[in-house]
Amino acid sequence: METQEQLFIRVVESGSLKGAAEQLNTDPSTVSRKIAALEKHLGVRLLQRSTSRSTPTEAGIEYYQGLKKILDEKHALEASISSQKESPSGTLCVTAPVDFGAHFVVPVLKKMQQIYPSLNVELILGSQYEDICSKGIDVAIRIGKLPDSNLICRKLGEVSRVLVASKNYLIENGTPQTVNDLESHNFIFYSRNQSRSLLELISEGRCESVKVNGSFTVNSVTAVKNLVLESVGIHLGPRWFFHEEIRNGDLEVLLPEYTLQAYPLHALYSSASYVPAKVRKFIDLMVKQHFDFN
């Protein structure tokens, strides 16, 4: 069983006594008694409890932040004198966007297991996890602008983008020759946010923007590619995912004389002072990947 201090940290990060109990495969009453004993020892209330949530009090927040710092320093000291410093072990849990994760993250995790046989890996495909700490996630791979958070991020590279359409679509609807020509075409969008945003293209240092319209929005790059190949419309998406279709002539790049702003690619993790070897090695391998396919 974890110490009372470690248990308190787990409750804060999971958001409830029940959440912490489920992670430890025990019952909430046991967790509650441990936290109560810690509060009695300190002489202060650390948590505001309710049926579904347990939120730290002002004193609880201060205690949590202090404990995290102490434990991170302890882990860093142990790692510096342990052979595990350079030998990842345990379980590495990573989350990444579905298509990107399948294409780029799976090979890295496979390589890590080949190098470090004692390492177990878990890959969660999807971008719905914002609070990675409470979900037990070590690293989150994210594409695009990052929201403000307390997580540490490391830039892995950039994902270049491209405007693509099928030959049949262009035969039926005409090939855009200017940025303004895009207004009259049907677009396939990956997200509502993309459908609401202006499309910006850069040529010779000058930016041109246009509002485009579309009849289909789907949050799967695979589904988008199929729709583009079926001549439903034009798409602005990651070059890497359309590389083969562009190379073999199934899809055409539109307005190639223009540059599209690339999306930044980051790895997010929870601690700056203590970064486990499994996290460091994974991120180092991801940095070596190539994402553009220009």
C-alpha atoms as a PDB file:
ATOM      1  CA  MET A   1       0.000   0.000   0.000  1.00  0.00           C
ATOM      2  CA  GLU A   2       1.225   3.495  -0.743  1.00  0.00           C
ATOM      3  CA  THR A   3       2.168   5.928   2.007  1.00  0.00           C
ATOM      4  CA  GLN A   4      -0.440   8.413   3.170  1.00  0.00           C
ATOM      5  CA  GLU A   5       1.390  11.169   1.312  1.00  0.00           C
ATOM      6  CA  GLN A   6       1.473   9.199  -1.963  1.00  0.00           C
ATOM      7  CA  LEU A   7      -2.182   8.327  -1.520  1.00  0.00           C
ATOM      8  CA  PHE A   8      -3.081  11.996  -1.037  1.00  0.00           C
ATOM      9  CA  ILE A   9      -1.307  12.867  -4.294  1.00  0.00           C
ATOM     10  CA  ARG A  10      -3.197  10.111  -6.092  1.00  0.00           C
ATOM     11  CA  VAL A  11      -6.556  11.365  -4.778  1.00  0.00           C
ATOM     12  CA  VAL A  12      -5.809  14.921  -5.921  1.00  0.00           C
ATOM     13  CA  GLU A  13      -4.711  13.797  -9.382  1.00  0.00           C
ATOM     14  CA  SER A  14      -7.578  11.354  -9.884  1.00  0.00           C
ATOM     15  CA  GLY A  15     -10.128  13.836  -8.554  1.00  0.00           C
ATOM     16  CA  SER A  16     -11.850  11.559  -6.073  1.00  0.00           C
ATOM     17  CA  LEU A  17     -11.422   8.935  -3.363  1.00  0.00           C
ATOM     18  CA  LYS A  18     -13.186   6.450  -5.620  1.00  0.00           C
ATOM     19  CA  GLY A  19     -10.815   7.180  -8.513  1.00  0.00           C
ATOM     20  CA  ALA A  20      -7.757   6.634  -6.337  1.00  0.00           C
ATOM     21  CA  ALA A  21      -9.259   3.441  -4.907  1.00  0.00           C
ATOM     22  CA  GLU A  22      -9.938   2.035  -8.375  1.00  0.00           C
ATOM     23  CA  GLN A  23      -6.335   2.684  -9.420  1.00  0.00           C
ATOM     24  CA  LEU A  24      -5.108   0.775  -6.360  1.00  0.00           C
ATOM     25  CA  ASN A  25      -7.764  -1.946  -6.543  1.00  0.00           C
ATOM     26  CA  THR A  26      -9.016  -1.182  -3.057  1.00  0.00           C
ATOM     27  CA  ASP A  27     -12.175   0.343  -1.578  1.00  0.00           C
ATOM     28  CA  PRO A  28     -12.850   4.095  -1.099  1.00  0.00           C
ATOM     29  CA  SER A  29     -13.370   3.685   2.668  1.00  0.00           C
ATOM     30  CA  THR A  30      -9.772   2.494   3.064  1.00  0.00           C
ATOM     31  CA  VAL A  31      -8.503   5.497   1.119  1.00  0.00           C
ATOM     32  CA  SER A  32     -10.733   7.810   3.160  1.00  0.00           C
ATOM     33  CA  ARG A  33      -9.373   6.477   6.477  1.00  0.00           C
ATOM     34  CA  LYS A  34      -5.785   6.979   5.302  1.00  0.00           C
ATOM     35  CA  ILE A  35      -6.469  10.566   4.238  1.00  0.00           C
ATOM     36  CA  ALA A  36      -8.296  11.269   7.497  1.00  0.00           C
ATOM     37  CA  ALA A  37      -5.296   9.974   9.440  1.00  0.00           C
ATOM     38  CA  LEU A  38      -3.007  12.253   7.443  1.00  0.00           C
ATOM     39  CA  GLU A  39      -5.268  15.248   8.100  1.00  0.00           C
ATOM     40  CA  LYS A  40      -5.304  14.423  11.826  1.00  0.00           C
ATOM     41  CA  HIS A  41      -1.507  14.181  11.843  1.00  0.00           C
ATOM     42  CA  LEU A  42      -1.164  17.570  10.142  1.00  0.00           C
ATOM     43  CA  GLY A  43      -4.008  19.178  12.052  1.00  0.00           C
ATOM     44  CA  VAL A  44      -5.564  20.638   8.929  1.00  0.00           C
ATOM     45  CA  ARG A  45      -8.245  19.672   6.411  1.00  0.00           C
ATOM     46  CA  LEU A  46      -6.705  18.774   3.052  1.00  0.00           C
ATOM     47  CA  LEU A  47      -9.744  17.780   0.990  1.00  0.00           C
ATOM     48  CA  GLN A  48     -13.298  18.947   0.461  1.00  0.00           C
ATOM     49  CA  ARG A  49     -15.196  15.702  -0.046  1.00  0.00           C
ATOM     50  CA  SER A  50     -18.399  15.075  -1.979  1.00  0.00           C
ATOM     51  CA  THR A  51     -20.063  12.015  -3.460  1.00  0.00           C
ATOM     52  CA  SER A  52     -18.307  12.282  -6.798  1.00  0.00           C
ATOM     53  CA  ARG A  53     -15.383  14.677  -6.265  1.00  0.00           C
ATOM     54  CA  SER A  54     -12.639  15.409  -3.753  1.00  0.00           C
ATOM     55  CA  THR A  55     -11.008  18.777  -4.279  1.00  0.00           C
ATOM     56  CA  PRO A  56      -8.025  20.073  -2.301  1.00  0.00           C
ATOM     57  CA  THR A  57      -8.499  22.921   0.137  1.00  0.00           C
ATOM     58  CA  GLU A  58      -6.134  25.907   0.049  1.00  0.00           C
ATOM     59  CA  ALA A  59      -3.886  24.070   2.518  1.00  0.00           C
ATOM     60  CA  GLY A  60      -4.308  20.900   0.453  1.00  0.00           C
ATOM     61  CA  ILE A  61      -3.105  22.624  -2.718  1.00  0.00           C
ATOM     62  CA  GLU A  62      -0.015  23.943  -0.927  1.00  0.00           C
ATOM     63  CA  TYR A  63       0.688  20.503   0.561  1.00  0.00           C
ATOM     64  CA  TYR A  64       0.189  18.765  -2.806  1.00  0.00           C
ATOM     65  CA  GLN A  65       2.593  21.106  -4.598  1.00  0.00           C
ATOM     66  CA  GLY A  66       5.206  20.704  -1.878  1.00  0.00           C
ATOM     67  CA  LEU A  67       4.866  16.926  -1.802  1.00  0.00           C
ATOM     68  CA  LYS A  68       5.182  16.664  -5.584  1.00  0.00           C
ATOM     69  CA  LYS A  69       8.388  18.663  -5.517  1.00  0.00           C
ATOM     70  CA  ILE A  70       9.851  16.515  -2.733  1.00  0.00           C
ATOM     71  CA  LEU A  71       8.873  13.243  -4.411  1.00  0.00           C
ATOM     72  CA  ASP A  72      10.182  14.368  -7.795  1.00  0.00           C
ATOM     73  CA  GLU A  73      13.522  15.243  -6.212  1.00  0.00           C
ATOM     74  CA  LYS A  74      13.556  11.897  -4.414  1.00  0.00           C
ATOM     75  CA  HIS A  75      12.861  10.035  -7.646  1.00  0.00           C
ATOM     76  CA  ALA A  76      15.540  12.018  -9.449  1.00  0.00           C
ATOM     77  CA  LEU A  77      18.071  11.128  -6.742  1.00  0.00           C
ATOM     78  CA  GLU A  78      17.121   7.452  -6.863  1.00  0.00           C
ATOM     79  CA  ALA A  79      17.320   7.432 -10.649  1.00  0.00           C
ATOM     80  CA  SER A  80      20.764   9.043 -10.613  1.00  0.00           C
ATOM     81  CA  ILE A  81      22.206   6.180  -8.541  1.00  0.00           C
ATOM     82  CA  SER A  82      20.133   3.375  -9.992  1.00  0.00           C
ATOM     83  CA  SER A  83      20.858   1.231 -13.005  1.00  0.00           C
ATOM     84  CA  GLN A  84      17.294   1.952 -14.109  1.00  0.00           C
ATOM     85  CA  LYS A  85      18.384   5.448 -15.051  1.00  0.00           C
ATOM     86  CA  GLU A  86      19.295   4.239 -18.518  1.00  0.00           C
ATOM     87  CA  SER A  87      17.143   1.095 -18.564  1.00  0.00           C
ATOM     88  CA  PRO A  88      13.437   1.893 -18.995  1.00  0.00           C
ATOM     89  CA  SER A  89      11.145  -0.567 -17.234  1.00  0.00           C
ATOM     90  CA  GLY A  90       7.595  -0.808 -15.963  1.00  0.00           C
ATOM     91  CA  THR A  91       4.770   0.394 -18.222  1.00  0.00           C
ATOM     92  CA  LEU A  92       4.971   3.346 -20.597  1.00  0.00           C
ATOM     93  CA  CYS A  93       1.512   4.745 -21.338  1.00  0.00           C
ATOM     94  CA  VAL A  94       1.224   7.064 -24.346  1.00  0.00           C
ATOM     95  CA  THR A  95      -1.754   8.771 -25.958  1.00  0.00           C
ATOM     96  CA  ALA A  96      -1.722  10.116 -29.516  1.00  0.00           C
ATOM     97  CA  PRO A  97      -4.117  11.066 -32.340  1.00  0.00           C
ATOM     98  CA  VAL A  98      -5.527   7.934 -33.979  1.00  0.00           C
ATOM     99  CA  ASP A  99      -3.982   7.987 -37.447  1.00  0.00           C
ATOM    100  CA  PHE A 100      -0.746   9.686 -36.453  1.00  0.00           C
ATOM    101  CA  GLY A 101      -0.297   7.313 -33.531  1.00  0.00           C
ATOM    102  CA  ALA A 102      -0.842   4.228 -35.673  1.00  0.00           C
ATOM    103  CA  HIS A 103       1.611   5.453 -38.305  1.00  0.00           C
ATOM    104  CA  PHE A 104       4.400   7.022 -36.238  1.00  0.00           C
ATOM    105  CA  VAL A 105       4.060   6.104 -32.560  1.00  0.00           C
ATOM    106  CA  VAL A 106       3.519   2.351 -32.897  1.00  0.00           C
ATOM    107  CA  PRO A 107       6.909   1.812 -34.638  1.00  0.00           C
ATOM    108  CA  VAL A 108       8.699   3.802 -31.908  1.00  0.00           C
ATOM    109  CA  LEU A 109       7.055   1.802 -29.126  1.00  0.00           C
ATOM    110  CA  LYS A 110       7.855  -1.431 -30.950  1.00  0.00           C
ATOM    111  CA  LYS A 111      11.496  -0.366 -31.223  1.00  0.00           C
ATOM    112  CA  MET A 112      11.601   0.506 -27.517  1.00  0.00           C
ATOM    113  CA  GLN A 113      10.382  -2.967 -26.580  1.00  0.00           C
ATOM    114  CA  GLN A 114      13.055  -4.505 -28.773  1.00  0.00           C
ATOM    115  CA  ILE A 115      15.743  -2.438 -27.025  1.00  0.00           C
ATOM    116  CA  TYR A 116      14.257  -2.771 -23.522  1.00  0.00           C
ATOM    117  CA  PRO A 117      12.526  -6.185 -23.231  1.00  0.00           C
ATOM    118  CA  SER A 118      11.345  -5.526 -19.664  1.00  0.00           C
ATOM    119  CA  LEU A 119       9.321  -2.505 -20.770  1.00  0.00           C
ATOM    120  CA  ASN A 120       5.551  -2.835 -21.228  1.00  0.00           C
ATOM    121  CA  VAL A 121       3.745  -0.296 -23.419  1.00  0.00           C
ATOM    122  CA  GLU A 122       0.175   0.941 -23.680  1.00  0.00           C
ATOM    123  CA  LEU A 123      -0.920   3.204 -26.531  1.00  0.00           C
ATOM    124  CA  ILE A 124      -4.263   5.004 -26.245  1.00  0.00           C
ATOM    125  CA  LEU A 125      -5.330   6.363 -29.622  1.00  0.00           C
ATOM    126  CA  GLY A 126      -7.388   9.544 -29.452  1.00  0.00           C
ATOM    127  CA  SER A 127      -7.002  13.163 -28.325  1.00  0.00           C
ATOM    128  CA  GLN A 128      -9.788  13.280 -25.752  1.00  0.00           C
ATOM    129  CA  TYR A 129      -7.529  13.019 -22.702  1.00  0.00           C
ATOM    130  CA  GLU A 130      -6.698  16.486 -21.372  1.00  0.00           C
ATOM    131  CA  ASP A 131      -5.890  15.569 -17.747  1.00  0.00           C
ATOM    132  CA  ILE A 132      -3.252  12.962 -18.457  1.00  0.00           C
ATOM    133  CA  CYS A 133      -2.062  12.771 -14.841  1.00  0.00           C
ATOM    134  CA  SER A 134      -5.365  11.478 -13.513  1.00  0.00           C
ATOM    135  CA  LYS A 135      -5.503   8.862 -16.304  1.00  0.00           C
ATOM    136  CA  GLY A 136      -2.044   7.496 -15.548  1.00  0.00           C
ATOM    137  CA  ILE A 137      -0.708   8.625 -18.942  1.00  0.00           C
ATOM    138  CA  ASP A 138       3.039   9.263 -19.169  1.00  0.00           C
ATOM    139  CA  VAL A 139       3.206  11.130 -22.488  1.00  0.00           C
ATOM    140  CA  ALA A 140       0.626  12.783 -24.733  1.00  0.00           C
ATOM    141  CA  ILE A 141       1.448  13.467 -28.384  1.00  0.00           C
ATOM    142  CA  ARG A 142      -0.411  16.512 -29.667  1.00  0.00           C
ATOM    143  CA  ILE A 143      -0.598  18.196 -33.081  1.00  0.00           C
ATOM    144  CA  GLY A 144      -1.416  21.905 -33.379  1.00  0.00           C
ATOM    145  CA  LYS A 145      -1.495  24.847 -31.012  1.00  0.00           C
ATOM    146  CA  LEU A 146      -1.412  23.776 -27.363  1.00  0.00           C
ATOM    147  CA  PRO A 147      -3.833  25.093 -24.735  1.00  0.00           C
ATOM    148  CA  ASP A 148      -2.369  26.571 -21.565  1.00  0.00           C
ATOM    149  CA  SER A 149      -1.594  23.907 -18.964  1.00  0.00           C
ATOM    150  CA  ASN A 150       0.849  22.938 -16.226  1.00  0.00           C
ATOM    151  CA  LEU A 151       2.289  20.167 -18.380  1.00  0.00           C
ATOM    152  CA  ILE A 152       5.825  20.254 -19.725  1.00  0.00           C
ATOM    153  CA  CYS A 153       6.102  20.123 -23.513  1.00  0.00           C
ATOM    154  CA  ARG A 154       8.896  19.296 -25.919  1.00  0.00           C
ATOM    155  CA  LYS A 155       8.623  20.099 -29.587  1.00  0.00           C
ATOM    156  CA  LEU A 156       9.150  17.030 -31.752  1.00  0.00           C
ATOM    157  CA  GLY A 157       8.942  18.743 -35.127  1.00  0.00           C
ATOM    158  CA  GLU A 158       6.357  20.116 -37.521  1.00  0.00           C
ATOM    159  CA  VAL A 159       3.665  18.492 -39.628  1.00  0.00           C
ATOM    160  CA  SER A 160       3.483  20.112 -43.064  1.00  0.00           C
ATOM    161  CA  ARG A 161       0.081  20.461 -44.718  1.00  0.00           C
ATOM    162  CA  VAL A 162      -1.175  20.272 -48.266  1.00  0.00           C
ATOM    163  CA  LEU A 163      -4.317  20.989 -50.306  1.00  0.00           C
ATOM    164  CA  VAL A 164      -5.385  17.873 -52.195  1.00  0.00           C
ATOM    165  CA  ALA A 165      -8.143  16.728 -54.516  1.00  0.00           C
ATOM    166  CA  SER A 166      -8.732  13.770 -56.811  1.00  0.00           C
ATOM    167  CA  LYS A 167      -8.348  14.042 -60.576  1.00  0.00           C
ATOM    168  CA  ASN A 168     -12.015  13.194 -61.102  1.00  0.00           C
ATOM    169  CA  TYR A 169     -13.106  15.957 -58.740  1.00  0.00           C
ATOM    170  CA  LEU A 170     -10.960  18.477 -60.632  1.00  0.00           C
ATOM    171  CA  ILE A 171     -12.288  17.269 -64.001  1.00  0.00           C
ATOM    172  CA  GLU A 172     -15.865  17.749 -62.781  1.00  0.00           C
ATOM    173  CA  ASN A 173     -15.368  20.988 -60.854  1.00  0.00           C
ATOM    174  CA  GLY A 174     -12.301  22.645 -62.368  1.00  0.00           C
ATOM    175  CA  THR A 175      -8.830  23.173 -60.931  1.00  0.00           C
ATOM    176  CA  PRO A 176      -8.444  26.257 -58.678  1.00  0.00           C
ATOM    177  CA  GLN A 177      -5.910  28.679 -60.155  1.00  0.00           C
ATOM    178  CA  THR A 178      -6.061  31.346 -57.429  1.00  0.00           C
ATOM    179  CA  VAL A 179      -6.794  31.450 -53.707  1.00  0.00           C
ATOM    180  CA  ASN A 180     -10.158  33.104 -54.358  1.00  0.00           C
ATOM    181  CA  ASP A 181     -11.142  30.226 -56.665  1.00  0.00           C
ATOM    182  CA  LEU A 182     -11.322  27.996 -53.567  1.00  0.00           C
ATOM    183  CA  GLU A 183     -14.487  29.773 -52.435  1.00  0.00           C
ATOM    184  CA  SER A 184     -16.560  27.977 -55.066  1.00  0.00           C
ATOM    185  CA  HIS A 185     -15.332  24.480 -54.175  1.00  0.00           C
ATOM    186  CA  ASN A 186     -16.597  21.893 -51.704  1.00  0.00           C
ATOM    187  CA  PHE A 187     -14.260  21.100 -48.809  1.00  0.00           C
ATOM    188  CA  ILE A 188     -14.030  18.121 -46.493  1.00  0.00           C
ATOM    189  CA  PHE A 189     -13.180  19.202 -42.952  1.00  0.00           C
ATOM    190  CA  TYR A 190     -11.517  17.319 -40.115  1.00  0.00           C
ATOM    191  CA  SER A 191     -13.187  19.372 -37.355  1.00  0.00           C
ATOM    192  CA  ARG A 192     -15.754  22.088 -36.727  1.00  0.00           C
ATOM    193  CA  ASN A 193     -12.927  24.441 -35.839  1.00  0.00           C
ATOM    194  CA  GLN A 194     -11.323  23.872 -39.246  1.00  0.00           C
ATOM    195  CA  SER A 195     -14.642  24.527 -40.980  1.00  0.00           C
ATOM    196  CA  ARG A 196     -14.989  27.858 -39.189  1.00  0.00           C
ATOM    197  CA  SER A 197     -11.445  29.087 -39.766  1.00  0.00           C
ATOM    198  CA  LEU A 198     -10.066  31.077 -42.674  1.00  0.00           C
ATOM    199  CA  LEU A 199      -7.755  29.185 -44.996  1.00  0.00           C
ATOM    200  CA  GLU A 200      -4.440  31.043 -45.167  1.00  0.00           C
ATOM    201  CA  LEU A 201      -1.815  30.603 -47.887  1.00  0.00           C
ATOM    202  CA  ILE A 202       1.531  32.364 -48.190  1.00  0.00           C
ATOM    203  CA  SER A 203       3.405  33.299 -51.370  1.00  0.00           C
ATOM    204  CA  GLU A 204       6.518  35.462 -51.588  1.00  0.00           C
ATOM    205  CA  GLY A 205       6.028  36.624 -48.019  1.00  0.00           C
ATOM    206  CA  ARG A 206       2.438  37.718 -48.604  1.00  0.00           C
ATOM    207  CA  CYS A 207      -0.468  35.991 -46.868  1.00  0.00           C
ATOM    208  CA  GLU A 208      -3.804  35.503 -48.600  1.00  0.00           C
ATOM    209  CA  SER A 209      -6.859  34.221 -46.765  1.00  0.00           C
ATOM    210  CA  VAL A 210     -10.188  32.875 -47.914  1.00  0.00           C
ATOM    211  CA  LYS A 211     -13.313  31.466 -46.257  1.00  0.00           C
ATOM    212  CA  VAL A 212     -14.095  28.058 -47.724  1.00  0.00           C
ATOM    213  CA  ASN A 213     -17.205  25.925 -47.353  1.00  0.00           C
ATOM    214  CA  GLY A 214     -17.858  22.232 -47.106  1.00  0.00           C
ATOM    215  CA  SER A 215     -20.625  19.686 -46.694  1.00  0.00           C
ATOM    216  CA  PHE A 216     -18.742  16.959 -44.802  1.00  0.00           C
ATOM    217  CA  THR A 217     -16.883  17.048 -41.458  1.00  0.00           C
ATOM    218  CA  VAL A 218     -15.310  13.899 -39.972  1.00  0.00           C
ATOM    219  CA  ASN A 219     -12.616  13.581 -37.299  1.00  0.00           C
ATOM    220  CA  SER A 220     -10.733  10.722 -38.929  1.00  0.00           C
ATOM    221  CA  VAL A 221      -7.908  11.325 -41.387  1.00  0.00           C
ATOM    222  CA  THR A 222      -8.537   7.877 -42.873  1.00  0.00           C
ATOM    223  CA  ALA A 223     -12.194   8.709 -43.514  1.00  0.00           C
ATOM    224  CA  VAL A 224     -11.201  12.096 -44.946  1.00  0.00           C
ATOM    225  CA  LYS A 225      -8.738  10.490 -47.359  1.00  0.00           C
ATOM    226  CA  ASN A 226     -11.363   8.031 -48.555  1.00  0.00           C
ATOM    227  CA  LEU A 227     -13.794  10.890 -49.212  1.00  0.00           C
ATOM    228  CA  VAL A 228     -11.146  12.827 -51.136  1.00  0.00           C
ATOM    229  CA  LEU A 229     -10.330   9.758 -53.228  1.00  0.00           C
ATOM    230  CA  GLU A 230     -14.059   9.349 -53.898  1.00  0.00           C
ATOM    231  CA  SER A 231     -14.110  12.913 -55.319  1.00  0.00           C
ATOM    232  CA  VAL A 232     -16.372  14.368 -52.626  1.00  0.00           C
ATOM    233  CA  GLY A 233     -14.228  17.484 -52.231  1.00  0.00           C
ATOM    234  CA  ILE A 234     -10.922  19.203 -51.432  1.00  0.00           C
ATOM    235  CA  HIS A 235      -9.072  18.747 -48.154  1.00  0.00           C
ATOM    236  CA  LEU A 236      -6.358  20.635 -46.311  1.00  0.00           C
ATOM    237  CA  GLY A 237      -4.492  18.063 -44.246  1.00  0.00           C
ATOM    238  CA  PRO A 238      -1.152  16.536 -43.236  1.00  0.00           C
ATOM    239  CA  ARG A 239       1.148  15.855 -46.183  1.00  0.00           C
ATOM    240  CA  TRP A 240       2.447  12.617 -44.653  1.00  0.00           C
ATOM    241  CA  PHE A 241      -0.963  10.968 -44.791  1.00  0.00           C
ATOM    242  CA  PHE A 242      -1.486  11.722 -48.498  1.00  0.00           C
ATOM    243  CA  HIS A 243       2.124  11.145 -49.553  1.00  0.00           C
ATOM    244  CA  GLU A 244       1.600   7.827 -51.353  1.00  0.00           C
ATOM    245  CA  GLU A 245      -1.553   8.958 -53.167  1.00  0.00           C
ATOM    246  CA  ILE A 246       0.213  12.136 -54.328  1.00  0.00           C
ATOM    247  CA  ARG A 247       3.261  10.143 -55.434  1.00  0.00           C
ATOM    248  CA  ASN A 248       1.261   7.627 -57.471  1.00  0.00           C
ATOM    249  CA  GLY A 249      -0.968  10.281 -59.023  1.00  0.00           C
ATOM    250  CA  ASP A 250      -4.281   9.424 -57.348  1.00  0.00           C
ATOM    251  CA  LEU A 251      -4.376  12.868 -55.751  1.00  0.00           C
ATOM    252  CA  GLU A 252      -3.138  16.252 -56.948  1.00  0.00           C
ATOM    253  CA  VAL A 253      -1.639  19.052 -54.893  1.00  0.00           C
ATOM    254  CA  LEU A 254      -3.484  22.323 -55.433  1.00  0.00           C
ATOM    255  CA  LEU A 255      -1.818  25.740 -55.640  1.00  0.00           C
ATOM    256  CA  PRO A 256       1.668  24.257 -55.034  1.00  0.00           C
ATOM    257  CA  GLU A 257       3.277  27.678 -55.420  1.00  0.00           C
ATOM    258  CA  TYR A 258       1.767  28.648 -52.060  1.00  0.00           C
ATOM    259  CA  THR A 259       3.020  27.664 -48.613  1.00  0.00           C
ATOM    260  CA  LEU A 260       0.668  26.444 -45.898  1.00  0.00           C
ATOM    261  CA  GLN A 261       1.546  26.948 -42.260  1.00  0.00           C
ATOM    262  CA  ALA A 262       2.747  23.694 -40.693  1.00  0.00           C
ATOM    263  CA  TYR A 263       1.285  22.346 -37.463  1.00  0.00           C
ATOM    264  CA  PRO A 264       3.669  22.055 -34.490  1.00  0.00           C
ATOM    265  CA  LEU A 265       4.049  18.599 -32.981  1.00  0.00           C
ATOM    266  CA  HIS A 266       4.674  18.254 -29.234  1.00  0.00           C
ATOM    267  CA  ALA A 267       5.135  15.651 -26.545  1.00  0.00           C
ATOM    268  CA  LEU A 268       3.512  16.585 -23.226  1.00  0.00           C
ATOM    269  CA  TYR A 269       4.421  15.114 -19.856  1.00  0.00           C
ATOM    270  CA  SER A 270       3.884  16.033 -16.227  1.00  0.00           C
ATOM    271  CA  SER A 271       7.216  16.726 -14.543  1.00  0.00           C
ATOM    272  CA  ALA A 272      10.285  18.791 -15.369  1.00  0.00           C
ATOM    273  CA  SER A 273      12.499  17.902 -12.400  1.00  0.00           C
ATOM    274  CA  TYR A 274      12.109  14.122 -12.669  1.00  0.00           C
ATOM    275  CA  VAL A 275      11.579  12.557 -16.056  1.00  0.00           C
ATOM    276  CA  PRO A 276      11.632   8.732 -15.992  1.00  0.00           C
ATOM    277  CA  ALA A 277      14.006   6.982 -18.384  1.00  0.00           C
ATOM    278  CA  LYS A 278      11.068   5.398 -20.242  1.00  0.00           C
ATOM    279  CA  VAL A 279       9.682   8.876 -21.011  1.00  0.00           C
ATOM    280  CA  ARG A 280      13.041  10.391 -21.963  1.00  0.00           C
ATOM    281  CA  LYS A 281      13.968   7.514 -24.280  1.00  0.00           C
ATOM    282  CA  PHE A 282      10.552   7.534 -25.963  1.00  0.00           C
ATOM    283  CA  ILE A 283      10.640  11.272 -26.642  1.00  0.00           C
ATOM    284  CA  ASP A 284      14.233  11.080 -27.907  1.00  0.00           C
ATOM    285  CA  LEU A 285      13.187   8.411 -30.431  1.00  0.00           C
ATOM    286  CA  MET A 286      10.167  10.456 -31.509  1.00  0.00           C
ATOM    287  CA  VAL A 287      12.404  13.472 -32.190  1.00  0.00           C
ATOM    288  CA  LYS A 288      14.335  11.361 -34.715  1.00  0.00           C
ATOM    289  CA  GLN A 289      11.189  10.627 -36.740  1.00  0.00           C
ATOM    290  CA  HIS A 290      10.478  12.342 -40.064  1.00  0.00           C
ATOM    291  CA  PHE A 291       6.986  13.778 -40.442  1.00  0.00           C
ATOM    292  CA  ASP A 292       6.954  15.930 -43.578  1.00  0.00           C
ATOM    293  CA  PHE A 293       7.441  13.729 -46.686  1.00  0.00           C
ATOM    294  CA  ASN A 294       8.071  16.789 -48.863  1.00  0.00           C
END
